[in-house]
Amino acid sequence: MLITLIEEYENKHDDFAPADSVAAIRFRMEQEGLTPRELEPYIGQNGRVSEAPHRKRPLSLRKVKRLHDESKIPYESLMAGVQ
């Protein structure tokens, strides 16, 4: 019964929306000690790697899939801002 009450409280008071793509990529990089160069196979050349985390260019669907497959960042977070 306590679990039910806690879940009900959290649903009313806490909005846990998925992180946006930039926050998710930065978090994973920090977690695993990755450098932008190590993301090149998933995002593209060094110039492209710096564009996504600085919100200069949204991720393409191909890049979202690669990042998810290789780094296990949730699709919900990576899809934020995809055009």
PDB file of N, CA and C in Angstrom:
ATOM      1  N   MET A   1       0.824  -1.182   0.000  1.00  0.00           N
ATOM      2  CA  MET A   1       0.000   0.000   0.000  1.00  0.00           C
ATOM      3  C   MET A   1       0.886   1.271   0.000  1.00  0.00           C
ATOM      4  N   LEU A   2       1.998   1.197   0.696  1.00  0.00           N
ATOM      5  CA  LEU A   2       2.900   2.347   0.741  1.00  0.00           C
ATOM      6  C   LEU A   2       3.449   2.674  -0.651  1.00  0.00           C
ATOM      7  N   ILE A   3       3.774   1.664  -1.418  1.00  0.00           N
ATOM      8  CA  ILE A   3       4.286   1.874  -2.780  1.00  0.00           C
ATOM      9  C   ILE A   3       3.251   2.596  -3.622  1.00  0.00           C
ATOM     10  N   THR A   4       2.010   2.207  -3.509  1.00  0.00           N
ATOM     11  CA  THR A   4       0.938   2.840  -4.272  1.00  0.00           C
ATOM     12  C   THR A   4       0.822   4.319  -3.906  1.00  0.00           C
ATOM     13  N   LEU A   5       0.889   4.624  -2.621  1.00  0.00           N
ATOM     14  CA  LEU A   5       0.809   6.018  -2.178  1.00  0.00           C
ATOM     15  C   LEU A   5       1.993   6.836  -2.691  1.00  0.00           C
ATOM     16  N   ILE A   6       3.174   6.266  -2.657  1.00  0.00           N
ATOM     17  CA  ILE A   6       4.365   6.965  -3.148  1.00  0.00           C
ATOM     18  C   ILE A   6       4.248   7.226  -4.643  1.00  0.00           C
ATOM     19  N   GLU A   7       3.849   6.222  -5.409  1.00  0.00           N
ATOM     20  CA  GLU A   7       3.687   6.388  -6.852  1.00  0.00           C
ATOM     21  C   GLU A   7       2.648   7.455  -7.172  1.00  0.00           C
ATOM     22  N   GLU A   8       1.555   7.455  -6.435  1.00  0.00           N
ATOM     23  CA  GLU A   8       0.508   8.449  -6.659  1.00  0.00           C
ATOM     24  C   GLU A   8       1.032   9.863  -6.363  1.00  0.00           C
ATOM     25  N   TYR A   9       1.763  10.011  -5.291  1.00  0.00           N
ATOM     26  CA  TYR A   9       2.348  11.302  -4.940  1.00  0.00           C
ATOM     27  C   TYR A   9       3.326  11.770  -6.018  1.00  0.00           C
ATOM     28  N   GLU A  10       4.209  10.875  -6.447  1.00  0.00           N
ATOM     29  CA  GLU A  10       5.185  11.232  -7.470  1.00  0.00           C
ATOM     30  C   GLU A  10       4.515  11.614  -8.778  1.00  0.00           C
ATOM     31  N   ASN A  11       3.454  10.902  -9.150  1.00  0.00           N
ATOM     32  CA  ASN A  11       2.748  11.225 -10.392  1.00  0.00           C
ATOM     33  C   ASN A  11       2.111  12.598 -10.339  1.00  0.00           C
ATOM     34  N   LYS A  12       1.668  13.020  -9.164  1.00  0.00           N
ATOM     35  CA  LYS A  12       1.041  14.330  -9.026  1.00  0.00           C
ATOM     36  C   LYS A  12       2.061  15.461  -8.954  1.00  0.00           C
ATOM     37  N   HIS A  13       3.193  15.235  -8.288  1.00  0.00           N
ATOM     38  CA  HIS A  13       4.100  16.317  -7.972  1.00  0.00           C
ATOM     39  C   HIS A  13       5.386  16.356  -8.788  1.00  0.00           C
ATOM     40  N   ASP A  14       5.746  15.316  -9.426  1.00  0.00           N
ATOM     41  CA  ASP A  14       7.005  15.273 -10.163  1.00  0.00           C
ATOM     42  C   ASP A  14       6.736  14.985 -11.625  1.00  0.00           C
ATOM     43  N   ASP A  15       7.296  15.822 -12.469  1.00  0.00           N
ATOM     44  CA  ASP A  15       7.190  15.612 -13.910  1.00  0.00           C
ATOM     45  C   ASP A  15       8.552  15.166 -14.411  1.00  0.00           C
ATOM     46  N   PHE A  16       8.684  13.878 -14.652  1.00  0.00           N
ATOM     47  CA  PHE A  16       9.953  13.319 -15.101  1.00  0.00           C
ATOM     48  C   PHE A  16       9.912  13.113 -16.609  1.00  0.00           C
ATOM     49  N   ALA A  17      10.037  14.190 -17.327  1.00  0.00           N
ATOM     50  CA  ALA A  17      10.067  14.106 -18.786  1.00  0.00           C
ATOM     51  C   ALA A  17      11.460  13.661 -19.211  1.00  0.00           C
ATOM     52  N   PRO A  18      11.564  13.009 -20.361  1.00  0.00           N
ATOM     53  CA  PRO A  18      12.887  12.611 -20.832  1.00  0.00           C
ATOM     54  C   PRO A  18      13.777  13.832 -21.056  1.00  0.00           C
ATOM     55  N   ALA A  19      15.049  13.646 -20.848  1.00  0.00           N
ATOM     56  CA  ALA A  19      16.007  14.730 -21.093  1.00  0.00           C
ATOM     57  C   ALA A  19      16.035  15.042 -22.582  1.00  0.00           C
ATOM     58  N   ASP A  20      16.423  16.257 -22.929  1.00  0.00           N
ATOM     59  CA  ASP A  20      16.553  16.564 -24.346  1.00  0.00           C
ATOM     60  C   ASP A  20      17.819  15.920 -24.893  1.00  0.00           C
ATOM     61  N   SER A  21      17.957  15.924 -26.193  1.00  0.00           N
ATOM     62  CA  SER A  21      19.060  15.198 -26.832  1.00  0.00           C
ATOM     63  C   SER A  21      20.422  15.719 -26.397  1.00  0.00           C
ATOM     64  N   VAL A  22      20.571  17.013 -26.285  1.00  0.00           N
ATOM     65  CA  VAL A  22      21.860  17.589 -25.904  1.00  0.00           C
ATOM     66  C   VAL A  22      22.238  17.169 -24.488  1.00  0.00           C
ATOM     67  N   ALA A  23      21.289  17.276 -23.564  1.00  0.00           N
ATOM     68  CA  ALA A  23      21.558  16.881 -22.185  1.00  0.00           C
ATOM     69  C   ALA A  23      21.898  15.394 -22.101  1.00  0.00           C
ATOM     70  N   ALA A  24      21.195  14.573 -22.870  1.00  0.00           N
ATOM     71  CA  ALA A  24      21.441  13.131 -22.846  1.00  0.00           C
ATOM     72  C   ALA A  24      22.834  12.791 -23.385  1.00  0.00           C
ATOM     73  N   ILE A  25      23.236  13.444 -24.468  1.00  0.00           N
ATOM     74  CA  ILE A  25      24.561  13.189 -25.051  1.00  0.00           C
ATOM     75  C   ILE A  25      25.652  13.650 -24.091  1.00  0.00           C
ATOM     76  N   ARG A  26      25.494  14.841 -23.547  1.00  0.00           N
ATOM     77  CA  ARG A  26      26.498  15.351 -22.599  1.00  0.00           C
ATOM     78  C   ARG A  26      26.601  14.460 -21.362  1.00  0.00           C
ATOM     79  N   PHE A  27      25.456  14.005 -20.862  1.00  0.00           N
ATOM     80  CA  PHE A  27      25.454  13.135 -19.684  1.00  0.00           C
ATOM     81  C   PHE A  27      26.195  11.840 -19.965  1.00  0.00           C
ATOM     82  N   ARG A  28      25.921  11.219 -21.121  1.00  0.00           N
ATOM     83  CA  ARG A  28      26.584   9.965 -21.475  1.00  0.00           C
ATOM     84  C   ARG A  28      28.084  10.184 -21.663  1.00  0.00           C
ATOM     85  N   MET A  29      28.452  11.295 -22.282  1.00  0.00           N
ATOM     86  CA  MET A  29      29.870  11.593 -22.468  1.00  0.00           C
ATOM     87  C   MET A  29      30.559  11.722 -21.108  1.00  0.00           C
ATOM     88  N   GLU A  30      29.912  12.413 -20.188  1.00  0.00           N
ATOM     89  CA  GLU A  30      30.483  12.581 -18.851  1.00  0.00           C
ATOM     90  C   GLU A  30      30.555  11.252 -18.107  1.00  0.00           C
ATOM     91  N   GLN A  31      29.486  10.469 -18.201  1.00  0.00           N
ATOM     92  CA  GLN A  31      29.442   9.166 -17.529  1.00  0.00           C
ATOM     93  C   GLN A  31      30.575   8.260 -17.957  1.00  0.00           C
ATOM     94  N   GLU A  32      30.807   8.217 -19.253  1.00  0.00           N
ATOM     95  CA  GLU A  32      31.769   7.265 -19.792  1.00  0.00           C
ATOM     96  C   GLU A  32      33.114   7.897 -20.127  1.00  0.00           C
ATOM     97  N   GLY A  33      33.275   9.160 -19.820  1.00  0.00           N
ATOM     98  CA  GLY A  33      34.536   9.832 -20.095  1.00  0.00           C
ATOM     99  C   GLY A  33      34.844   9.924 -21.575  1.00  0.00           C
ATOM    100  N   LEU A  34      33.818  10.113 -22.396  1.00  0.00           N
ATOM    101  CA  LEU A  34      34.000  10.163 -23.846  1.00  0.00           C
ATOM    102  C   LEU A  34      34.410  11.559 -24.296  1.00  0.00           C
ATOM    103  N   THR A  35      35.214  11.599 -25.310  1.00  0.00           N
ATOM    104  CA  THR A  35      35.587  12.861 -25.937  1.00  0.00           C
ATOM    105  C   THR A  35      34.738  13.034 -27.200  1.00  0.00           C
ATOM    106  N   PRO A  36      34.638  14.259 -27.713  1.00  0.00           N
ATOM    107  CA  PRO A  36      33.904  14.448 -28.962  1.00  0.00           C
ATOM    108  C   PRO A  36      34.445  13.575 -30.092  1.00  0.00           C
ATOM    109  N   ARG A  37      35.744  13.351 -30.130  1.00  0.00           N
ATOM    110  CA  ARG A  37      36.336  12.511 -31.174  1.00  0.00           C
ATOM    111  C   ARG A  37      35.777  11.088 -31.126  1.00  0.00           C
ATOM    112  N   GLU A  38      35.478  10.601 -29.939  1.00  0.00           N
ATOM    113  CA  GLU A  38      34.956   9.237 -29.802  1.00  0.00           C
ATOM    114  C   GLU A  38      33.506   9.125 -30.270  1.00  0.00           C
ATOM    115  N   LEU A  39      32.838  10.247 -30.451  1.00  0.00           N
ATOM    116  CA  LEU A  39      31.467  10.227 -30.975  1.00  0.00           C
ATOM    117  C   LEU A  39      31.423  10.323 -32.499  1.00  0.00           C
ATOM    118  N   GLU A  40      32.541  10.575 -33.124  1.00  0.00           N
ATOM    119  CA  GLU A  40      32.578  10.720 -34.581  1.00  0.00           C
ATOM    120  C   GLU A  40      31.948   9.555 -35.339  1.00  0.00           C
ATOM    121  N   PRO A  41      32.152   8.290 -34.925  1.00  0.00           N
ATOM    122  CA  PRO A  41      31.520   7.197 -35.678  1.00  0.00           C
ATOM    123  C   PRO A  41      29.987   7.260 -35.666  1.00  0.00           C
ATOM    124  N   TYR A  42      29.403   7.920 -34.692  1.00  0.00           N
ATOM    125  CA  TYR A  42      27.947   7.964 -34.570  1.00  0.00           C
ATOM    126  C   TYR A  42      27.348   9.247 -35.113  1.00  0.00           C
ATOM    127  N   ILE A  43      28.071  10.368 -34.974  1.00  0.00           N
ATOM    128  CA  ILE A  43      27.528  11.662 -35.367  1.00  0.00           C
ATOM    129  C   ILE A  43      28.147  12.173 -36.659  1.00  0.00           C
ATOM    130  N   GLY A  44      29.400  11.896 -36.888  1.00  0.00           N
ATOM    131  CA  GLY A  44      30.072  12.373 -38.086  1.00  0.00           C
ATOM    132  C   GLY A  44      31.380  13.046 -37.724  1.00  0.00           C
ATOM    133  N   GLN A  45      31.963  13.722 -38.679  1.00  0.00           N
ATOM    134  CA  GLN A  45      33.264  14.356 -38.476  1.00  0.00           C
ATOM    135  C   GLN A  45      33.228  15.346 -37.323  1.00  0.00           C
ATOM    136  N   ASN A  46      34.389  15.725 -36.860  1.00  0.00           N
ATOM    137  CA  ASN A  46      34.529  16.567 -35.677  1.00  0.00           C
ATOM    138  C   ASN A  46      33.653  17.818 -35.716  1.00  0.00           C
ATOM    139  N   GLY A  47      33.519  18.442 -36.857  1.00  0.00           N
ATOM    140  CA  GLY A  47      32.659  19.623 -36.972  1.00  0.00           C
ATOM    141  C   GLY A  47      31.217  19.310 -36.656  1.00  0.00           C
ATOM    142  N   ARG A  48      30.757  18.167 -37.089  1.00  0.00           N
ATOM    143  CA  ARG A  48      29.378  17.745 -36.823  1.00  0.00           C
ATOM    144  C   ARG A  48      29.183  17.392 -35.354  1.00  0.00           C
ATOM    145  N   VAL A  49      30.196  16.785 -34.745  1.00  0.00           N
ATOM    146  CA  VAL A  49      30.098  16.392 -33.344  1.00  0.00           C
ATOM    147  C   VAL A  49      29.856  17.615 -32.476  1.00  0.00           C
ATOM    148  N   SER A  50      30.517  18.713 -32.768  1.00  0.00           N
ATOM    149  CA  SER A  50      30.353  19.902 -31.930  1.00  0.00           C
ATOM    150  C   SER A  50      29.033  20.610 -32.188  1.00  0.00           C
ATOM    151  N   GLU A  51      28.395  20.386 -33.325  1.00  0.00           N
ATOM    152  CA  GLU A  51      27.142  21.064 -33.634  1.00  0.00           C
ATOM    153  C   GLU A  51      25.980  20.558 -32.796  1.00  0.00           C
ATOM    154  N   ALA A  52      25.878  19.251 -32.598  1.00  0.00           N
ATOM    155  CA  ALA A  52      24.745  18.697 -31.852  1.00  0.00           C
ATOM    156  C   ALA A  52      24.741  19.154 -30.393  1.00  0.00           C
ATOM    157  N   PRO A  53      25.822  18.994 -29.644  1.00  0.00           N
ATOM    158  CA  PRO A  53      25.781  19.427 -28.240  1.00  0.00           C
ATOM    159  C   PRO A  53      25.655  20.933 -28.048  1.00  0.00           C
ATOM    160  N   HIS A  54      25.943  21.709 -29.077  1.00  0.00           N
ATOM    161  CA  HIS A  54      25.807  23.168 -28.954  1.00  0.00           C
ATOM    162  C   HIS A  54      24.517  23.666 -29.595  1.00  0.00           C
ATOM    163  N   ARG A  55      23.632  22.745 -29.918  1.00  0.00           N
ATOM    164  CA  ARG A  55      22.296  23.049 -30.466  1.00  0.00           C
ATOM    165  C   ARG A  55      22.349  23.831 -31.784  1.00  0.00           C
ATOM    166  N   LYS A  56      23.404  23.636 -32.553  1.00  0.00           N
ATOM    167  CA  LYS A  56      23.514  24.317 -33.841  1.00  0.00           C
ATOM    168  C   LYS A  56      22.804  23.544 -34.947  1.00  0.00           C
ATOM    169  N   ARG A  57      22.688  22.250 -34.759  1.00  0.00           N
ATOM    170  CA  ARG A  57      22.063  21.407 -35.775  1.00  0.00           C
ATOM    171  C   ARG A  57      21.388  20.233 -35.074  1.00  0.00           C
ATOM    172  N   PRO A  58      20.112  19.945 -35.406  1.00  0.00           N
ATOM    173  CA  PRO A  58      19.447  18.798 -34.784  1.00  0.00           C
ATOM    174  C   PRO A  58      20.024  17.485 -35.313  1.00  0.00           C
ATOM    175  N   LEU A  59      19.841  16.435 -34.568  1.00  0.00           N
ATOM    176  CA  LEU A  59      20.308  15.113 -34.981  1.00  0.00           C
ATOM    177  C   LEU A  59      19.397  14.551 -36.056  1.00  0.00           C
ATOM    178  N   SER A  60      19.984  13.883 -37.031  1.00  0.00           N
ATOM    179  CA  SER A  60      19.183  13.185 -38.036  1.00  0.00           C
ATOM    180  C   SER A  60      18.728  11.848 -37.441  1.00  0.00           C
ATOM    181  N   LEU A  61      17.767  11.233 -38.072  1.00  0.00           N
ATOM    182  CA  LEU A  61      17.284   9.936 -37.586  1.00  0.00           C
ATOM    183  C   LEU A  61      18.389   8.881 -37.616  1.00  0.00           C
ATOM    184  N   ARG A  62      19.247   8.943 -38.616  1.00  0.00           N
ATOM    185  CA  ARG A  62      20.363   7.993 -38.712  1.00  0.00           C
ATOM    186  C   ARG A  62      21.299   8.150 -37.512  1.00  0.00           C
ATOM    187  N   LYS A  63      21.599   9.392 -37.150  1.00  0.00           N
ATOM    188  CA  LYS A  63      22.478   9.647 -36.012  1.00  0.00           C
ATOM    189  C   LYS A  63      21.823   9.227 -34.702  1.00  0.00           C
ATOM    190  N   VAL A  64      20.528   9.465 -34.588  1.00  0.00           N
ATOM    191  CA  VAL A  64      19.792   9.039 -33.388  1.00  0.00           C
ATOM    192  C   VAL A  64      19.911   7.534 -33.227  1.00  0.00           C
ATOM    193  N   LYS A  65      19.695   6.797 -34.305  1.00  0.00           N
ATOM    194  CA  LYS A  65      19.767   5.334 -34.226  1.00  0.00           C
ATOM    195  C   LYS A  65      21.171   4.877 -33.848  1.00  0.00           C
ATOM    196  N   ARG A  66      22.182   5.468 -34.461  1.00  0.00           N
ATOM    197  CA  ARG A  66      23.567   5.085 -34.133  1.00  0.00           C
ATOM    198  C   ARG A  66      23.895   5.367 -32.669  1.00  0.00           C
ATOM    199  N   LEU A  67      23.516   6.548 -32.196  1.00  0.00           N
ATOM    200  CA  LEU A  67      23.794   6.888 -30.800  1.00  0.00           C
ATOM    201  C   LEU A  67      23.071   5.950 -29.845  1.00  0.00           C
ATOM    202  N   HIS A  68      21.827   5.636 -30.165  1.00  0.00           N
ATOM    203  CA  HIS A  68      21.074   4.718 -29.308  1.00  0.00           C
ATOM    204  C   HIS A  68      21.707   3.326 -29.309  1.00  0.00           C
ATOM    205  N   ASP A  69      22.013   2.823 -30.481  1.00  0.00           N
ATOM    206  CA  ASP A  69      22.575   1.474 -30.585  1.00  0.00           C
ATOM    207  C   ASP A  69      23.922   1.350 -29.884  1.00  0.00           C
ATOM    208  N   GLU A  70      24.748   2.363 -29.997  1.00  0.00           N
ATOM    209  CA  GLU A  70      26.105   2.269 -29.463  1.00  0.00           C
ATOM    210  C   GLU A  70      26.240   2.756 -28.019  1.00  0.00           C
ATOM    211  N   SER A  71      25.478   3.779 -27.645  1.00  0.00           N
ATOM    212  CA  SER A  71      25.664   4.338 -26.307  1.00  0.00           C
ATOM    213  C   SER A  71      24.475   4.093 -25.387  1.00  0.00           C
ATOM    214  N   LYS A  72      23.414   3.492 -25.927  1.00  0.00           N
ATOM    215  CA  LYS A  72      22.220   3.153 -25.150  1.00  0.00           C
ATOM    216  C   LYS A  72      21.521   4.373 -24.558  1.00  0.00           C
ATOM    217  N   ILE A  73      21.643   5.527 -25.216  1.00  0.00           N
ATOM    218  CA  ILE A  73      20.864   6.693 -24.813  1.00  0.00           C
ATOM    219  C   ILE A  73      19.433   6.435 -25.278  1.00  0.00           C
ATOM    220  N   PRO A  74      18.441   6.643 -24.424  1.00  0.00           N
ATOM    221  CA  PRO A  74      17.050   6.345 -24.808  1.00  0.00           C
ATOM    222  C   PRO A  74      16.597   7.160 -26.026  1.00  0.00           C
ATOM    223  N   TYR A  75      15.806   6.502 -26.873  1.00  0.00           N
ATOM    224  CA  TYR A  75      15.272   7.176 -28.050  1.00  0.00           C
ATOM    225  C   TYR A  75      14.478   8.431 -27.665  1.00  0.00           C
ATOM    226  N   GLU A  76      13.724   8.345 -26.562  1.00  0.00           N
ATOM    227  CA  GLU A  76      12.880   9.476 -26.155  1.00  0.00           C
ATOM    228  C   GLU A  76      13.717  10.740 -25.968  1.00  0.00           C
ATOM    229  N   SER A  77      14.894  10.587 -25.416  1.00  0.00           N
ATOM    230  CA  SER A  77      15.761  11.737 -25.208  1.00  0.00           C
ATOM    231  C   SER A  77      16.415  12.200 -26.509  1.00  0.00           C
ATOM    232  N   LEU A  78      16.841  11.258 -27.311  1.00  0.00           N
ATOM    233  CA  LEU A  78      17.519  11.621 -28.558  1.00  0.00           C
ATOM    234  C   LEU A  78      16.573  12.234 -29.591  1.00  0.00           C
ATOM    235  N   MET A  79      15.310  11.878 -29.538  1.00  0.00           N
ATOM    236  CA  MET A  79      14.357  12.373 -30.520  1.00  0.00           C
ATOM    237  C   MET A  79      13.920  13.804 -30.253  1.00  0.00           C
ATOM    238  N   ALA A  80      14.225  14.342 -29.096  1.00  0.00           N
ATOM    239  CA  ALA A  80      13.875  15.729 -28.807  1.00  0.00           C
ATOM    240  C   ALA A  80      14.624  16.629 -29.774  1.00  0.00           C
ATOM    241  N   GLY A  81      13.888  17.361 -30.576  1.00  0.00           N
ATOM    242  CA  GLY A  81      14.518  18.291 -31.505  1.00  0.00           C
ATOM    243  C   GLY A  81      14.843  17.704 -32.863  1.00  0.00           C
ATOM    244  N   VAL A  82      14.495  16.457 -33.133  1.00  0.00           N
ATOM    245  CA  VAL A  82      14.773  15.860 -34.445  1.00  0.00           C
ATOM    246  C   VAL A  82      13.738  16.396 -35.445  1.00  0.00           C
ATOM    247  N   GLN A  83      14.239  16.777 -36.618  1.00  0.00           N
ATOM    248  CA  GLN A  83      13.340  17.303 -37.645  1.00  0.00           C
ATOM    249  C   GLN A  83      13.184  16.304 -38.754  1.00  0.00           C
TER     250      GLN A  83
END
